[in-house]
Amino acid sequence: MKRVSSNSKIQLNEVENHYQSSRENYDIESAESHLAYYREKHPINYAVLLQNV
């Protein structure tokens, strides 16, 4: 996983919108969950979500 800066310039609402749009386009053909996929493909956004849970 890539290192993520704790001072991200991405706003939480932007990340939430991006996550939702990514979820809509995610095909569940494998056992991988969307959250695992999102963590892998968008580590900075995932870190922002994780910090705000």
Protein backbone atom coordinates (compact mmCIF):
# COMPACT_ATOMS: atom_id res chain seq x y z
CA MET A 1 0.00 0.00 0.00
CA LYS A 2 1.22 3.47 -0.79
CA ARG A 3 2.11 5.86 2.00
CA VAL A 4 -0.57 8.44 2.60
CA SER A 5 -0.01 11.93 3.92
CA SER A 6 -2.03 12.73 7.02
CA ASN A 7 -2.58 16.24 5.66
CA SER A 8 -4.62 15.27 2.64
CA LYS A 9 -5.98 18.09 0.52
CA ILE A 10 -9.01 16.04 -0.48
CA GLN A 11 -12.29 17.00 1.17
CA LEU A 12 -14.34 14.30 2.87
CA ASN A 13 -17.46 15.00 0.81
CA GLU A 14 -15.44 14.65 -2.41
CA VAL A 15 -14.13 11.30 -1.24
CA GLU A 16 -17.59 10.10 -0.20
CA ASN A 17 -18.99 11.05 -3.62
CA HIS A 18 -16.10 9.33 -5.37
CA TYR A 19 -16.55 6.19 -3.26
CA GLN A 20 -20.27 6.04 -4.06
CA SER A 21 -19.71 6.52 -7.79
CA SER A 22 -16.99 3.88 -7.71
CA ARG A 23 -19.36 1.50 -5.93
CA GLU A 24 -22.00 1.99 -8.63
CA ASN A 25 -19.51 0.93 -11.30
CA TYR A 26 -18.03 -1.96 -9.32
CA ASP A 27 -18.89 -5.44 -10.57
CA ILE A 28 -19.04 -8.13 -7.90
CA GLU A 29 -17.57 -10.93 -9.98
CA SER A 30 -14.87 -11.85 -7.50
CA ALA A 31 -14.83 -12.44 -3.77
CA GLU A 32 -13.10 -9.08 -3.29
CA SER A 33 -15.30 -6.55 -1.56
CA HIS A 34 -15.68 -3.07 -2.94
CA LEU A 35 -14.00 -1.64 0.15
CA ALA A 36 -10.90 -3.82 -0.42
CA TYR A 37 -10.91 -2.83 -4.07
CA TYR A 38 -11.21 0.85 -3.14
CA ARG A 39 -8.39 0.57 -0.60
CA GLU A 40 -6.14 -0.91 -3.29
CA LYS A 41 -7.04 1.44 -6.14
CA HIS A 42 -7.53 4.71 -4.24
CA PRO A 43 -5.35 4.59 -1.10
CA ILE A 44 -5.42 8.34 -0.44
CA ASN A 45 -9.19 8.53 -0.61
CA TYR A 46 -9.48 5.38 1.49
CA ALA A 47 -7.26 6.93 4.17
CA VAL A 48 -9.48 10.02 4.28
CA LEU A 49 -12.55 7.82 4.73
CA LEU A 50 -10.79 5.78 7.40
CA GLN A 51 -9.81 8.89 9.37
CA ASN A 52 -13.42 10.10 9.39
CA VAL A 53 -15.21 6.95 10.46
